[in-house]
């Protein structure tokens, strides 16, 4: 009985064979031999339209754009994070936009860090060069 349940739960793989000779890894559509992409009963036009609609549905646009914030130093990025947290908590900002802002702010903070380290390295190199030229 247990073996039968495991067999019934197992998804059938698409039977399409790719040009390189390997089998498609996608699950077949329920009761069919092929996945949606390789199902010969679905026209190329239907597939193309569905992909376009899917891409449009996933596209994220902001209904009420937020004002631009000048971010010229790490403290500005901290204020942006605080503002983002508060807007999410109050329901003014959706999670996807907040995640994007968090990701980009993290990259910006790393860029500030690298820039600061580069400045420090340049100062150290100048000091070393000055000491070499004195002796």
N, C-alpha and C. Protein backbone atom coordinates (compact mmCIF):
# COMPACT_ATOMS: atom_id res chain seq x y z
N UNK A 1 0.83 -1.20 0.00
CA UNK A 1 0.00 0.00 0.00
C UNK A 1 0.87 1.26 0.00
N UNK A 2 1.94 1.28 0.80
CA UNK A 2 2.82 2.43 0.88
C UNK A 2 3.48 2.66 -0.47
N UNK A 3 3.93 1.58 -1.13
CA UNK A 3 4.58 1.71 -2.44
C UNK A 3 3.62 2.32 -3.46
N UNK A 4 2.35 1.96 -3.40
CA UNK A 4 1.35 2.49 -4.32
C UNK A 4 1.17 3.99 -4.09
N UNK A 5 1.14 4.44 -2.83
CA UNK A 5 0.99 5.87 -2.52
C UNK A 5 2.19 6.65 -3.06
N UNK A 6 3.38 6.12 -2.88
CA UNK A 6 4.58 6.79 -3.39
C UNK A 6 4.51 6.89 -4.90
N UNK A 7 4.08 5.81 -5.56
CA UNK A 7 3.97 5.81 -7.02
C UNK A 7 2.96 6.85 -7.49
N UNK A 8 1.81 6.94 -6.79
CA UNK A 8 0.77 7.88 -7.19
C UNK A 8 1.21 9.33 -6.97
N UNK A 9 2.03 9.59 -5.96
CA UNK A 9 2.49 10.94 -5.68
C UNK A 9 3.57 11.39 -6.65
N UNK A 10 4.27 10.45 -7.25
CA UNK A 10 5.35 10.77 -8.17
C UNK A 10 4.80 11.46 -9.40
N UNK A 11 5.39 12.55 -9.78
CA UNK A 11 4.97 13.28 -10.98
C UNK A 11 5.62 12.65 -12.20
N UNK A 12 4.87 12.59 -13.28
CA UNK A 12 5.41 12.08 -14.53
C UNK A 12 6.24 13.19 -15.18
N UNK A 13 7.38 12.84 -15.71
CA UNK A 13 8.24 13.80 -16.40
C UNK A 13 7.79 13.93 -17.85
N UNK A 14 8.04 15.09 -18.40
CA UNK A 14 7.75 15.36 -19.81
C UNK A 14 8.56 14.38 -20.66
N UNK A 15 7.95 13.83 -21.69
CA UNK A 15 8.63 12.85 -22.54
C UNK A 15 9.41 13.48 -23.69
N UNK A 16 9.42 14.81 -23.77
CA UNK A 16 10.12 15.49 -24.85
C UNK A 16 11.62 15.23 -24.74
N UNK A 17 12.24 14.92 -25.87
CA UNK A 17 13.69 14.72 -25.93
C UNK A 17 14.31 15.95 -26.59
N UNK A 18 15.20 16.60 -25.87
CA UNK A 18 15.85 17.83 -26.37
C UNK A 18 16.85 17.49 -27.48
N UNK A 19 17.24 18.51 -28.24
CA UNK A 19 18.20 18.29 -29.34
C UNK A 19 19.51 17.63 -28.88
N UNK A 20 19.89 17.84 -27.62
CA UNK A 20 21.14 17.22 -27.14
C UNK A 20 20.94 15.77 -26.68
N UNK A 21 19.70 15.27 -26.84
CA UNK A 21 19.42 13.87 -26.52
C UNK A 21 18.94 13.64 -25.09
N UNK A 22 18.90 14.67 -24.27
CA UNK A 22 18.42 14.51 -22.89
C UNK A 22 16.92 14.75 -22.83
N UNK A 23 16.31 14.18 -21.82
CA UNK A 23 14.86 14.34 -21.64
C UNK A 23 14.58 15.62 -20.89
N UNK A 24 13.47 16.27 -21.23
CA UNK A 24 13.03 17.47 -20.52
C UNK A 24 12.81 17.12 -19.05
N UNK A 25 13.23 17.98 -18.14
CA UNK A 25 13.10 17.72 -16.71
C UNK A 25 11.80 18.21 -16.11
N UNK A 26 11.00 18.94 -16.86
CA UNK A 26 9.75 19.50 -16.33
C UNK A 26 8.74 18.39 -16.08
N UNK A 27 7.82 18.65 -15.16
CA UNK A 27 6.74 17.71 -14.91
C UNK A 27 5.73 17.79 -16.05
N UNK A 28 5.21 16.62 -16.44
CA UNK A 28 4.19 16.58 -17.49
C UNK A 28 2.90 17.17 -16.94
N UNK A 29 2.07 17.70 -17.84
CA UNK A 29 0.77 18.21 -17.43
C UNK A 29 -0.07 17.03 -16.94
N UNK A 30 -0.95 17.30 -16.03
CA UNK A 30 -1.77 16.25 -15.43
C UNK A 30 -2.47 15.41 -16.50
N UNK A 31 -2.22 14.12 -16.48
CA UNK A 31 -2.85 13.19 -17.41
C UNK A 31 -2.27 13.21 -18.81
N UNK A 32 -1.20 13.95 -19.03
CA UNK A 32 -0.60 14.04 -20.36
C UNK A 32 0.86 13.59 -20.32
N UNK A 33 1.45 13.44 -21.51
CA UNK A 33 2.83 12.99 -21.60
C UNK A 33 3.85 14.13 -21.63
N UNK A 34 3.39 15.38 -21.87
CA UNK A 34 4.30 16.50 -22.06
C UNK A 34 4.02 17.63 -21.08
N UNK A 35 5.05 18.42 -20.85
CA UNK A 35 4.88 19.65 -20.06
C UNK A 35 4.18 20.66 -20.95
N UNK A 36 3.83 21.80 -20.37
CA UNK A 36 3.09 22.82 -21.13
C UNK A 36 3.91 23.31 -22.33
N UNK A 37 5.19 23.51 -22.13
CA UNK A 37 6.05 24.04 -23.20
C UNK A 37 6.14 23.09 -24.38
N UNK A 38 6.20 21.79 -24.12
CA UNK A 38 6.41 20.82 -25.19
C UNK A 38 5.14 20.12 -25.66
N UNK A 39 4.00 20.49 -25.10
CA UNK A 39 2.73 19.87 -25.48
C UNK A 39 2.39 20.27 -26.92
N UNK A 40 2.33 19.29 -27.84
CA UNK A 40 2.06 19.60 -29.25
C UNK A 40 0.62 20.08 -29.47
N UNK A 41 -0.28 19.89 -28.51
CA UNK A 41 -1.66 20.33 -28.65
C UNK A 41 -1.82 21.83 -28.39
N UNK A 42 -0.78 22.46 -27.84
CA UNK A 42 -0.83 23.91 -27.58
C UNK A 42 -0.03 24.59 -28.69
N UNK A 43 -0.69 25.49 -29.40
CA UNK A 43 -0.03 26.14 -30.54
C UNK A 43 1.07 27.09 -30.07
N UNK A 44 2.01 27.34 -30.98
CA UNK A 44 3.10 28.28 -30.68
C UNK A 44 2.54 29.66 -30.37
N UNK A 45 1.46 30.03 -31.06
CA UNK A 45 0.84 31.34 -30.83
C UNK A 45 0.28 31.43 -29.40
N UNK A 46 -0.39 30.36 -28.95
CA UNK A 46 -0.92 30.34 -27.58
C UNK A 46 0.21 30.44 -26.56
N UNK A 47 1.29 29.73 -26.81
CA UNK A 47 2.45 29.77 -25.90
C UNK A 47 3.05 31.17 -25.86
N UNK A 48 3.18 31.79 -27.02
CA UNK A 48 3.77 33.14 -27.11
C UNK A 48 2.89 34.15 -26.36
N UNK A 49 1.57 34.08 -26.56
CA UNK A 49 0.65 35.00 -25.88
C UNK A 49 0.66 34.78 -24.37
N UNK A 50 0.72 33.54 -23.95
CA UNK A 50 0.73 33.25 -22.52
C UNK A 50 2.00 33.77 -21.86
N UNK A 51 3.13 33.63 -22.55
CA UNK A 51 4.40 34.15 -22.01
C UNK A 51 4.34 35.67 -21.88
N UNK A 52 3.76 36.33 -22.87
CA UNK A 52 3.64 37.79 -22.81
C UNK A 52 2.74 38.20 -21.65
N UNK A 53 1.59 37.54 -21.52
CA UNK A 53 0.68 37.87 -20.42
C UNK A 53 1.34 37.60 -19.07
N UNK A 54 2.08 36.50 -18.98
CA UNK A 54 2.76 36.16 -17.73
C UNK A 54 3.80 37.20 -17.36
N UNK A 55 4.55 37.66 -18.34
CA UNK A 55 5.55 38.69 -18.09
C UNK A 55 4.92 39.99 -17.66
N UNK A 56 3.79 40.33 -18.27
CA UNK A 56 3.09 41.56 -17.91
C UNK A 56 2.52 41.46 -16.51
N UNK A 57 2.03 40.27 -16.14
CA UNK A 57 1.44 40.09 -14.82
C UNK A 57 2.51 40.20 -13.73
N UNK A 58 3.74 39.75 -14.04
CA UNK A 58 4.81 39.80 -13.04
C UNK A 58 5.47 41.16 -12.95
N UNK A 59 5.27 41.99 -13.98
CA UNK A 59 5.92 43.30 -13.99
C UNK A 59 5.39 44.12 -12.82
N UNK A 60 6.29 44.80 -12.16
CA UNK A 60 5.90 45.58 -11.00
C UNK A 60 6.04 47.06 -11.34
N UNK A 61 4.95 47.76 -11.22
CA UNK A 61 5.00 49.20 -11.39
C UNK A 61 4.50 49.84 -10.11
N UNK A 62 5.04 50.99 -9.81
CA UNK A 62 4.65 51.67 -8.58
C UNK A 62 3.55 52.66 -8.92
N UNK A 63 2.39 52.49 -8.30
CA UNK A 63 1.25 53.36 -8.56
C UNK A 63 1.54 54.79 -8.09
N UNK A 64 2.12 54.90 -6.91
CA UNK A 64 2.45 56.21 -6.34
C UNK A 64 3.95 56.27 -6.12
N UNK A 65 4.69 56.75 -7.12
CA UNK A 65 6.15 56.79 -6.98
C UNK A 65 6.58 57.59 -5.76
N UNK A 66 7.64 57.11 -5.14
CA UNK A 66 8.19 57.79 -3.97
C UNK A 66 9.10 58.92 -4.43
N UNK A 67 9.25 59.93 -3.59
CA UNK A 67 10.14 61.04 -3.98
C UNK A 67 11.60 60.57 -4.01
N UNK A 68 12.38 61.21 -4.86
CA UNK A 68 13.81 60.89 -4.95
C UNK A 68 14.50 61.34 -3.66
N UNK A 69 15.42 60.52 -3.21
CA UNK A 69 16.20 60.86 -2.02
C UNK A 69 17.66 60.95 -2.40
N UNK A 70 18.30 62.07 -2.12
CA UNK A 70 19.74 62.14 -2.40
C UNK A 70 20.48 61.28 -1.38
N UNK A 71 21.27 60.36 -1.89
CA UNK A 71 22.03 59.47 -1.01
C UNK A 71 23.50 59.66 -1.36
N UNK A 72 24.17 60.45 -0.54
CA UNK A 72 25.56 60.78 -0.82
C UNK A 72 26.53 60.24 0.22
N UNK A 73 25.99 59.67 1.29
CA UNK A 73 26.84 59.09 2.33
C UNK A 73 26.08 57.96 3.01
N UNK A 74 26.78 57.09 3.72
CA UNK A 74 26.14 55.93 4.34
C UNK A 74 24.97 56.29 5.26
N UNK A 75 25.05 57.39 5.96
CA UNK A 75 23.95 57.77 6.85
C UNK A 75 22.65 58.00 6.08
N UNK A 76 22.75 58.50 4.84
CA UNK A 76 21.57 58.68 4.00
C UNK A 76 20.93 57.33 3.69
N UNK A 77 21.76 56.32 3.46
CA UNK A 77 21.26 54.97 3.17
C UNK A 77 20.55 54.40 4.41
N UNK A 78 21.09 54.69 5.57
CA UNK A 78 20.46 54.23 6.82
C UNK A 78 19.07 54.87 6.94
N UNK A 79 18.97 56.15 6.64
CA UNK A 79 17.67 56.83 6.70
C UNK A 79 16.69 56.23 5.70
N UNK A 80 17.19 55.85 4.51
CA UNK A 80 16.33 55.21 3.52
C UNK A 80 15.80 53.87 4.05
N UNK A 81 16.66 53.10 4.69
CA UNK A 81 16.22 51.81 5.24
C UNK A 81 15.16 52.03 6.33
N UNK A 82 15.39 53.00 7.19
CA UNK A 82 14.42 53.30 8.26
C UNK A 82 13.09 53.72 7.65
N UNK A 83 13.14 54.58 6.64
CA UNK A 83 11.92 55.04 5.96
C UNK A 83 11.19 53.86 5.31
N UNK A 84 11.96 52.97 4.66
CA UNK A 84 11.37 51.81 4.01
C UNK A 84 10.68 50.90 5.03
N UNK A 85 11.35 50.65 6.13
CA UNK A 85 10.76 49.81 7.18
C UNK A 85 9.45 50.42 7.67
N UNK A 86 9.46 51.71 7.93
CA UNK A 86 8.26 52.38 8.43
C UNK A 86 7.12 52.34 7.42
N UNK A 87 7.46 52.51 6.13
CA UNK A 87 6.42 52.47 5.10
C UNK A 87 5.84 51.06 4.94
N UNK A 88 6.67 50.04 5.07
CA UNK A 88 6.16 48.66 4.99
C UNK A 88 5.25 48.39 6.18
N UNK A 89 5.70 48.78 7.35
CA UNK A 89 4.91 48.54 8.57
C UNK A 89 3.56 49.25 8.53
N UNK A 90 3.52 50.42 7.90
CA UNK A 90 2.26 51.17 7.85
C UNK A 90 1.38 50.74 6.67
N UNK A 91 1.91 49.88 5.81
CA UNK A 91 1.14 49.41 4.66
C UNK A 91 1.23 50.33 3.46
N UNK A 92 2.08 51.34 3.49
CA UNK A 92 2.23 52.27 2.37
C UNK A 92 3.08 51.70 1.25
N UNK A 93 3.92 50.72 1.56
CA UNK A 93 4.87 50.20 0.59
C UNK A 93 4.77 48.68 0.55
N UNK A 94 4.68 48.13 -0.67
CA UNK A 94 4.56 46.67 -0.80
C UNK A 94 5.91 46.00 -0.54
N UNK A 95 5.84 44.74 -0.20
CA UNK A 95 7.03 43.97 0.17
C UNK A 95 8.03 43.86 -0.97
N UNK A 96 7.55 43.65 -2.20
CA UNK A 96 8.48 43.50 -3.33
C UNK A 96 9.32 44.76 -3.53
N UNK A 97 8.67 45.91 -3.46
CA UNK A 97 9.41 47.17 -3.62
C UNK A 97 10.38 47.35 -2.47
N UNK A 98 9.93 47.02 -1.26
CA UNK A 98 10.80 47.15 -0.08
C UNK A 98 12.00 46.22 -0.22
N UNK A 99 11.79 45.00 -0.69
CA UNK A 99 12.92 44.07 -0.90
C UNK A 99 13.90 44.64 -1.91
N UNK A 100 13.38 45.21 -2.98
CA UNK A 100 14.23 45.81 -4.00
C UNK A 100 15.04 46.96 -3.40
N UNK A 101 14.38 47.83 -2.65
CA UNK A 101 15.09 48.94 -2.01
C UNK A 101 16.15 48.44 -1.04
N UNK A 102 15.82 47.40 -0.29
CA UNK A 102 16.79 46.83 0.64
C UNK A 102 18.00 46.26 -0.08
N UNK A 103 17.76 45.54 -1.16
CA UNK A 103 18.85 44.96 -1.95
C UNK A 103 19.75 46.05 -2.52
N UNK A 104 19.13 47.05 -3.15
CA UNK A 104 19.90 48.13 -3.76
C UNK A 104 20.64 48.96 -2.71
N UNK A 105 20.01 49.17 -1.57
CA UNK A 105 20.67 49.91 -0.50
C UNK A 105 21.88 49.15 0.01
N UNK A 106 21.76 47.83 0.11
CA UNK A 106 22.90 47.01 0.52
C UNK A 106 24.05 47.17 -0.46
N UNK A 107 23.75 47.15 -1.76
CA UNK A 107 24.79 47.32 -2.78
C UNK A 107 25.42 48.71 -2.66
N UNK A 108 24.60 49.71 -2.41
CA UNK A 108 25.10 51.07 -2.27
C UNK A 108 26.03 51.19 -1.05
N UNK A 109 25.63 50.58 0.06
CA UNK A 109 26.48 50.62 1.25
C UNK A 109 27.81 49.93 1.01
N UNK A 110 27.78 48.82 0.28
CA UNK A 110 29.03 48.13 -0.06
C UNK A 110 29.90 49.02 -0.96
N UNK A 111 29.27 49.73 -1.88
CA UNK A 111 30.02 50.64 -2.76
C UNK A 111 30.65 51.76 -1.94
N UNK A 112 29.92 52.30 -0.97
CA UNK A 112 30.49 53.33 -0.08
C UNK A 112 31.70 52.77 0.66
N UNK A 113 31.56 51.53 1.13
CA UNK A 113 32.64 50.89 1.88
C UNK A 113 33.89 50.71 1.01
N UNK A 114 33.69 50.23 -0.20
CA UNK A 114 34.81 50.03 -1.12
C UNK A 114 35.45 51.37 -1.46
N UNK A 115 34.64 52.36 -1.69
CA UNK A 115 35.17 53.70 -2.01
C UNK A 115 36.01 54.24 -0.85
N UNK A 116 35.52 54.06 0.35
CA UNK A 116 36.27 54.52 1.53
C UNK A 116 37.60 53.78 1.66
N UNK A 117 37.57 52.47 1.42
CA UNK A 117 38.80 51.69 1.49
C UNK A 117 39.79 52.12 0.40
N UNK A 118 39.27 52.41 -0.80
CA UNK A 118 40.14 52.89 -1.87
C UNK A 118 40.81 54.21 -1.49
N UNK A 119 40.04 55.10 -0.88
CA UNK A 119 40.61 56.38 -0.43
C UNK A 119 41.72 56.15 0.58
N UNK A 120 41.49 55.23 1.50
CA UNK A 120 42.50 54.95 2.52
C UNK A 120 43.76 54.35 1.91
N UNK A 121 43.58 53.45 0.95
CA UNK A 121 44.73 52.83 0.28
C UNK A 121 45.53 53.89 -0.47
N UNK A 122 44.84 54.81 -1.13
CA UNK A 122 45.54 55.88 -1.85
C UNK A 122 46.37 56.74 -0.89
N UNK A 123 45.82 57.05 0.26
CA UNK A 123 46.55 57.84 1.26
C UNK A 123 47.79 57.09 1.73
N UNK A 124 47.62 55.81 2.02
CA UNK A 124 48.75 54.99 2.47
C UNK A 124 49.82 54.91 1.38
N UNK A 125 49.40 54.73 0.13
CA UNK A 125 50.37 54.66 -0.97
C UNK A 125 51.13 55.98 -1.12
N UNK A 126 50.43 57.11 -0.97
CA UNK A 126 51.11 58.41 -1.05
C UNK A 126 52.14 58.57 0.06
N UNK A 127 51.78 58.16 1.28
CA UNK A 127 52.70 58.27 2.42
C UNK A 127 53.93 57.40 2.16
N UNK A 128 53.71 56.19 1.68
CA UNK A 128 54.84 55.29 1.40
C UNK A 128 55.72 55.88 0.32
N UNK A 129 55.13 56.41 -0.73
CA UNK A 129 55.88 57.00 -1.83
C UNK A 129 56.68 58.21 -1.35
N UNK A 130 56.08 59.04 -0.50
CA UNK A 130 56.79 60.21 0.05
C UNK A 130 58.00 59.78 0.88
N UNK A 131 57.81 58.74 1.68
CA UNK A 131 58.92 58.25 2.52
C UNK A 131 60.02 57.67 1.66
N UNK A 132 59.68 57.00 0.57
CA UNK A 132 60.69 56.44 -0.32
C UNK A 132 61.50 57.54 -1.00
N UNK A 133 60.83 58.59 -1.42
CA UNK A 133 61.51 59.67 -2.13
C UNK A 133 62.39 60.50 -1.19
N UNK A 134 62.10 60.52 0.09
CA UNK A 134 62.92 61.26 1.06
C UNK A 134 64.26 60.57 1.30
N UNK A 135 64.26 59.28 1.21
CA UNK A 135 65.50 58.53 1.56
C UNK A 135 66.28 58.20 0.37
